[in-house]
């Protein structure tokens, strides 16, 4: 099972790329050692640091015919990965 779900490609995350940092959405149970091993194997780069962030899902409510239905978006986890100077991760090479 892969610990990486997908790269985060937002304006804020893309700005980090200039500093040699990349953002990924990862499994909630993944630890830093697993994330580092998978990124180094998948992209062929050397990881020098990882910061992880656990996020709680937002509360959402919907109004339907029978009344209001409330729920929650799923919880998640993000990893900000710093790679060795000179290494680059290219998310668009498969396109």
N, C-alpha and C. Protein backbone atom coordinates (compact mmCIF):
# COMPACT_ATOMS: atom_id res chain seq x y z
N UNK A 1 0.84 -1.18 0.00
CA UNK A 1 0.00 0.00 0.00
C UNK A 1 0.88 1.25 0.00
N UNK A 2 0.56 2.21 -0.81
CA UNK A 2 1.33 3.43 -0.94
C UNK A 2 0.97 4.41 0.18
N UNK A 3 1.98 5.04 0.76
CA UNK A 3 1.72 6.04 1.80
C UNK A 3 1.41 7.40 1.19
N UNK A 4 1.87 7.64 -0.05
CA UNK A 4 1.59 8.89 -0.74
C UNK A 4 0.27 8.79 -1.48
N UNK A 5 -0.62 9.76 -1.27
CA UNK A 5 -1.88 9.79 -2.02
C UNK A 5 -1.72 10.59 -3.30
N UNK A 6 -1.29 11.86 -3.16
CA UNK A 6 -1.13 12.71 -4.34
C UNK A 6 -0.32 13.94 -3.95
N UNK A 7 0.34 14.56 -4.94
CA UNK A 7 1.02 15.82 -4.65
C UNK A 7 0.00 16.95 -4.54
N UNK A 8 0.32 17.94 -3.74
CA UNK A 8 -0.55 19.10 -3.60
C UNK A 8 -0.01 20.18 -4.53
N UNK A 9 -0.83 20.58 -5.50
CA UNK A 9 -0.41 21.56 -6.49
C UNK A 9 -1.33 22.76 -6.39
N UNK A 10 -1.09 23.57 -5.36
CA UNK A 10 -1.82 24.81 -5.18
C UNK A 10 -0.83 25.96 -5.35
N UNK A 11 -1.34 27.16 -5.35
CA UNK A 11 -0.47 28.32 -5.52
C UNK A 11 0.53 28.41 -4.38
N UNK A 12 0.07 28.16 -3.17
CA UNK A 12 0.95 28.24 -2.01
C UNK A 12 2.00 27.12 -2.03
N UNK A 13 1.58 25.92 -2.39
CA UNK A 13 2.51 24.78 -2.44
C UNK A 13 3.51 24.94 -3.58
N UNK A 14 3.09 25.52 -4.70
CA UNK A 14 4.00 25.73 -5.82
C UNK A 14 5.06 26.77 -5.47
N UNK A 15 4.72 27.74 -4.64
CA UNK A 15 5.70 28.74 -4.21
C UNK A 15 6.81 28.10 -3.37
N UNK A 16 6.50 27.01 -2.67
CA UNK A 16 7.50 26.30 -1.87
C UNK A 16 8.53 25.60 -2.76
N UNK A 17 8.16 25.25 -4.00
CA UNK A 17 9.06 24.53 -4.89
C UNK A 17 10.35 25.30 -5.15
N UNK A 18 10.29 26.62 -5.13
CA UNK A 18 11.49 27.44 -5.35
C UNK A 18 12.49 27.27 -4.22
N UNK A 19 12.01 26.89 -3.02
CA UNK A 19 12.89 26.67 -1.86
C UNK A 19 13.34 25.22 -1.77
N UNK A 20 12.92 24.38 -2.71
CA UNK A 20 13.28 22.96 -2.66
C UNK A 20 12.35 22.16 -1.76
N UNK A 21 11.13 22.68 -1.54
CA UNK A 21 10.14 21.99 -0.70
C UNK A 21 8.94 21.62 -1.55
N UNK A 22 8.37 20.45 -1.26
CA UNK A 22 7.23 19.93 -2.02
C UNK A 22 6.18 19.42 -1.04
N UNK A 23 4.91 19.60 -1.39
CA UNK A 23 3.81 19.20 -0.51
C UNK A 23 3.11 17.97 -1.08
N UNK A 24 2.78 17.04 -0.21
CA UNK A 24 2.08 15.82 -0.59
C UNK A 24 0.95 15.55 0.39
N UNK A 25 -0.12 14.96 -0.11
CA UNK A 25 -1.16 14.42 0.75
C UNK A 25 -0.78 12.97 1.00
N UNK A 26 -0.75 12.56 2.27
CA UNK A 26 -0.30 11.22 2.63
C UNK A 26 -1.36 10.51 3.47
N UNK A 27 -1.18 9.20 3.64
CA UNK A 27 -2.08 8.43 4.49
C UNK A 27 -1.98 8.95 5.93
N UNK A 28 -3.09 8.93 6.63
CA UNK A 28 -3.12 9.46 8.00
C UNK A 28 -2.24 8.65 8.95
N UNK A 29 -2.00 7.38 8.64
CA UNK A 29 -1.19 6.52 9.52
C UNK A 29 0.28 6.52 9.15
N UNK A 30 0.67 7.21 8.08
CA UNK A 30 2.06 7.20 7.61
C UNK A 30 2.96 8.00 8.54
N UNK A 31 4.19 7.49 8.75
CA UNK A 31 5.15 8.25 9.55
C UNK A 31 6.24 8.81 8.64
N UNK A 32 7.13 9.62 9.21
CA UNK A 32 8.12 10.33 8.42
C UNK A 32 9.10 9.39 7.73
N UNK A 33 9.45 8.29 8.38
CA UNK A 33 10.39 7.33 7.80
C UNK A 33 9.78 6.70 6.55
N UNK A 34 8.51 6.31 6.61
CA UNK A 34 7.83 5.71 5.46
C UNK A 34 7.71 6.71 4.32
N UNK A 35 7.38 7.95 4.64
CA UNK A 35 7.22 8.99 3.63
C UNK A 35 8.56 9.25 2.94
N UNK A 36 9.62 9.37 3.71
CA UNK A 36 10.96 9.62 3.16
C UNK A 36 11.38 8.50 2.23
N UNK A 37 11.21 7.25 2.67
CA UNK A 37 11.62 6.10 1.88
C UNK A 37 10.87 6.05 0.55
N UNK A 38 9.58 6.31 0.57
CA UNK A 38 8.78 6.23 -0.65
C UNK A 38 9.11 7.36 -1.62
N UNK A 39 9.32 8.57 -1.12
CA UNK A 39 9.64 9.69 -2.01
C UNK A 39 11.01 9.49 -2.65
N UNK A 40 11.98 9.03 -1.87
CA UNK A 40 13.31 8.79 -2.44
C UNK A 40 13.27 7.70 -3.50
N UNK A 41 12.49 6.67 -3.27
CA UNK A 41 12.38 5.57 -4.23
C UNK A 41 11.59 6.01 -5.47
N UNK A 42 10.51 6.73 -5.29
CA UNK A 42 9.62 7.10 -6.39
C UNK A 42 10.21 8.17 -7.30
N UNK A 43 10.86 9.19 -6.71
CA UNK A 43 11.33 10.34 -7.49
C UNK A 43 12.85 10.38 -7.66
N UNK A 44 13.60 9.51 -6.99
CA UNK A 44 15.05 9.48 -7.13
C UNK A 44 15.75 10.72 -6.61
N UNK A 45 15.28 11.27 -5.50
CA UNK A 45 15.87 12.45 -4.88
C UNK A 45 16.34 12.10 -3.47
N UNK A 46 17.12 12.98 -2.86
CA UNK A 46 17.55 12.80 -1.48
C UNK A 46 16.73 13.74 -0.59
N UNK A 47 16.00 13.19 0.36
CA UNK A 47 15.16 13.98 1.27
C UNK A 47 15.99 14.39 2.47
N UNK A 48 16.00 15.70 2.77
CA UNK A 48 16.76 16.21 3.92
C UNK A 48 15.87 16.55 5.10
N UNK A 49 14.57 16.72 4.90
CA UNK A 49 13.68 17.05 6.01
C UNK A 49 12.23 16.84 5.65
N UNK A 50 11.42 16.54 6.67
CA UNK A 50 9.98 16.35 6.47
C UNK A 50 9.23 16.98 7.64
N UNK A 51 8.19 17.73 7.31
CA UNK A 51 7.26 18.25 8.31
C UNK A 51 5.89 17.67 7.98
N UNK A 52 5.19 17.16 8.99
CA UNK A 52 3.86 16.61 8.75
C UNK A 52 2.82 17.46 9.46
N UNK A 53 1.62 17.50 8.87
CA UNK A 53 0.51 18.30 9.40
C UNK A 53 -0.74 17.43 9.36
N UNK A 54 -1.39 17.26 10.49
CA UNK A 54 -2.66 16.53 10.53
C UNK A 54 -3.78 17.55 10.44
N UNK A 55 -4.73 17.30 9.54
CA UNK A 55 -5.83 18.24 9.35
C UNK A 55 -7.15 17.58 9.71
N UNK A 56 -8.02 18.34 10.33
CA UNK A 56 -9.35 17.85 10.65
C UNK A 56 -10.31 18.27 9.55
N UNK A 57 -11.25 17.38 9.21
CA UNK A 57 -12.23 17.68 8.18
C UNK A 57 -13.20 18.75 8.64
N UNK A 58 -13.62 19.59 7.70
CA UNK A 58 -14.55 20.66 8.02
C UNK A 58 -15.97 20.11 8.18
N UNK A 59 -16.74 20.73 9.06
CA UNK A 59 -18.14 20.39 9.21
C UNK A 59 -18.91 20.97 8.04
N UNK A 60 -19.79 20.18 7.46
CA UNK A 60 -20.60 20.63 6.35
C UNK A 60 -22.05 20.29 6.66
N UNK A 61 -22.96 21.12 6.18
CA UNK A 61 -24.38 20.81 6.34
C UNK A 61 -25.06 21.02 5.00
N UNK A 62 -26.05 20.19 4.75
CA UNK A 62 -26.80 20.23 3.50
C UNK A 62 -28.27 20.32 3.85
N UNK A 63 -29.00 21.10 3.13
CA UNK A 63 -30.43 21.16 3.33
C UNK A 63 -31.11 20.32 2.26
N UNK A 64 -31.79 19.29 2.71
CA UNK A 64 -32.50 18.41 1.78
C UNK A 64 -33.98 18.45 2.08
N UNK A 65 -34.73 17.69 1.34
CA UNK A 65 -36.19 17.71 1.44
C UNK A 65 -36.69 17.40 2.85
N UNK A 66 -36.04 16.48 3.54
CA UNK A 66 -36.50 16.09 4.87
C UNK A 66 -35.93 16.92 6.00
N UNK A 67 -35.13 17.91 5.71
CA UNK A 67 -34.51 18.74 6.74
C UNK A 67 -33.01 18.81 6.52
N UNK A 68 -32.34 19.40 7.49
CA UNK A 68 -30.89 19.59 7.37
C UNK A 68 -30.15 18.29 7.67
N UNK A 69 -29.15 18.00 6.89
CA UNK A 69 -28.29 16.84 7.11
C UNK A 69 -26.88 17.38 7.33
N UNK A 70 -26.27 17.01 8.43
CA UNK A 70 -24.92 17.50 8.67
C UNK A 70 -23.93 16.36 8.56
N UNK A 71 -22.73 16.69 8.21
CA UNK A 71 -21.69 15.69 8.07
C UNK A 71 -20.33 16.34 8.19
N UNK A 72 -19.33 15.59 7.87
CA UNK A 72 -17.97 16.08 8.00
C UNK A 72 -17.14 15.58 6.83
N UNK A 73 -16.27 16.44 6.33
CA UNK A 73 -15.31 16.01 5.32
C UNK A 73 -14.27 15.12 6.01
N UNK A 74 -13.61 14.27 5.27
CA UNK A 74 -12.65 13.36 5.92
C UNK A 74 -11.42 14.08 6.48
N UNK A 75 -10.86 13.52 7.56
CA UNK A 75 -9.62 14.02 8.13
C UNK A 75 -8.49 13.68 7.16
N UNK A 76 -7.36 14.34 7.28
CA UNK A 76 -6.25 14.07 6.38
C UNK A 76 -4.91 14.35 7.02
N UNK A 77 -3.87 14.18 6.22
CA UNK A 77 -2.51 14.46 6.66
C UNK A 77 -1.72 14.94 5.46
N UNK A 78 -0.88 15.96 5.68
CA UNK A 78 -0.03 16.51 4.63
C UNK A 78 1.42 16.40 5.07
N UNK A 79 2.31 16.32 4.09
CA UNK A 79 3.74 16.29 4.37
C UNK A 79 4.42 17.34 3.50
N UNK A 80 5.25 18.19 4.13
CA UNK A 80 6.08 19.14 3.41
C UNK A 80 7.49 18.55 3.41
N UNK A 81 7.98 18.22 2.22
CA UNK A 81 9.25 17.50 2.08
C UNK A 81 10.31 18.46 1.53
N UNK A 82 11.46 18.51 2.20
CA UNK A 82 12.59 19.30 1.72
C UNK A 82 13.59 18.35 1.09
N UNK A 83 14.02 18.66 -0.14
CA UNK A 83 14.98 17.81 -0.83
C UNK A 83 16.34 18.51 -0.88
N UNK A 84 17.38 17.70 -1.15
CA UNK A 84 18.75 18.22 -1.22
C UNK A 84 18.86 19.29 -2.31
N UNK A 85 19.68 20.30 -2.05
CA UNK A 85 19.84 21.39 -3.01
C UNK A 85 20.31 20.83 -4.35
N UNK A 86 19.62 21.22 -5.42
CA UNK A 86 19.93 20.73 -6.76
C UNK A 86 18.98 19.64 -7.22
N UNK A 87 18.32 18.94 -6.28
CA UNK A 87 17.33 17.90 -6.65
C UNK A 87 16.00 18.57 -6.95
N UNK A 88 15.28 18.01 -7.93
CA UNK A 88 13.98 18.55 -8.33
C UNK A 88 13.00 17.40 -8.48
N UNK A 89 11.77 17.61 -8.01
CA UNK A 89 10.67 16.67 -8.25
C UNK A 89 9.78 17.29 -9.30
N UNK A 90 9.59 16.57 -10.41
CA UNK A 90 8.77 17.08 -11.52
C UNK A 90 7.46 16.29 -11.53
N UNK A 91 6.36 16.95 -11.13
CA UNK A 91 5.06 16.30 -11.09
C UNK A 91 4.46 16.13 -12.48
N UNK A 92 4.93 16.90 -13.45
CA UNK A 92 4.31 16.94 -14.77
C UNK A 92 5.02 16.10 -15.81
N UNK A 93 6.03 15.34 -15.45
CA UNK A 93 6.81 14.60 -16.43
C UNK A 93 6.01 13.48 -17.10
N UNK A 94 4.97 12.98 -16.44
CA UNK A 94 4.16 11.89 -17.01
C UNK A 94 3.11 12.37 -18.00
N UNK A 95 2.95 13.69 -18.14
CA UNK A 95 1.91 14.22 -19.00
C UNK A 95 2.38 14.29 -20.43
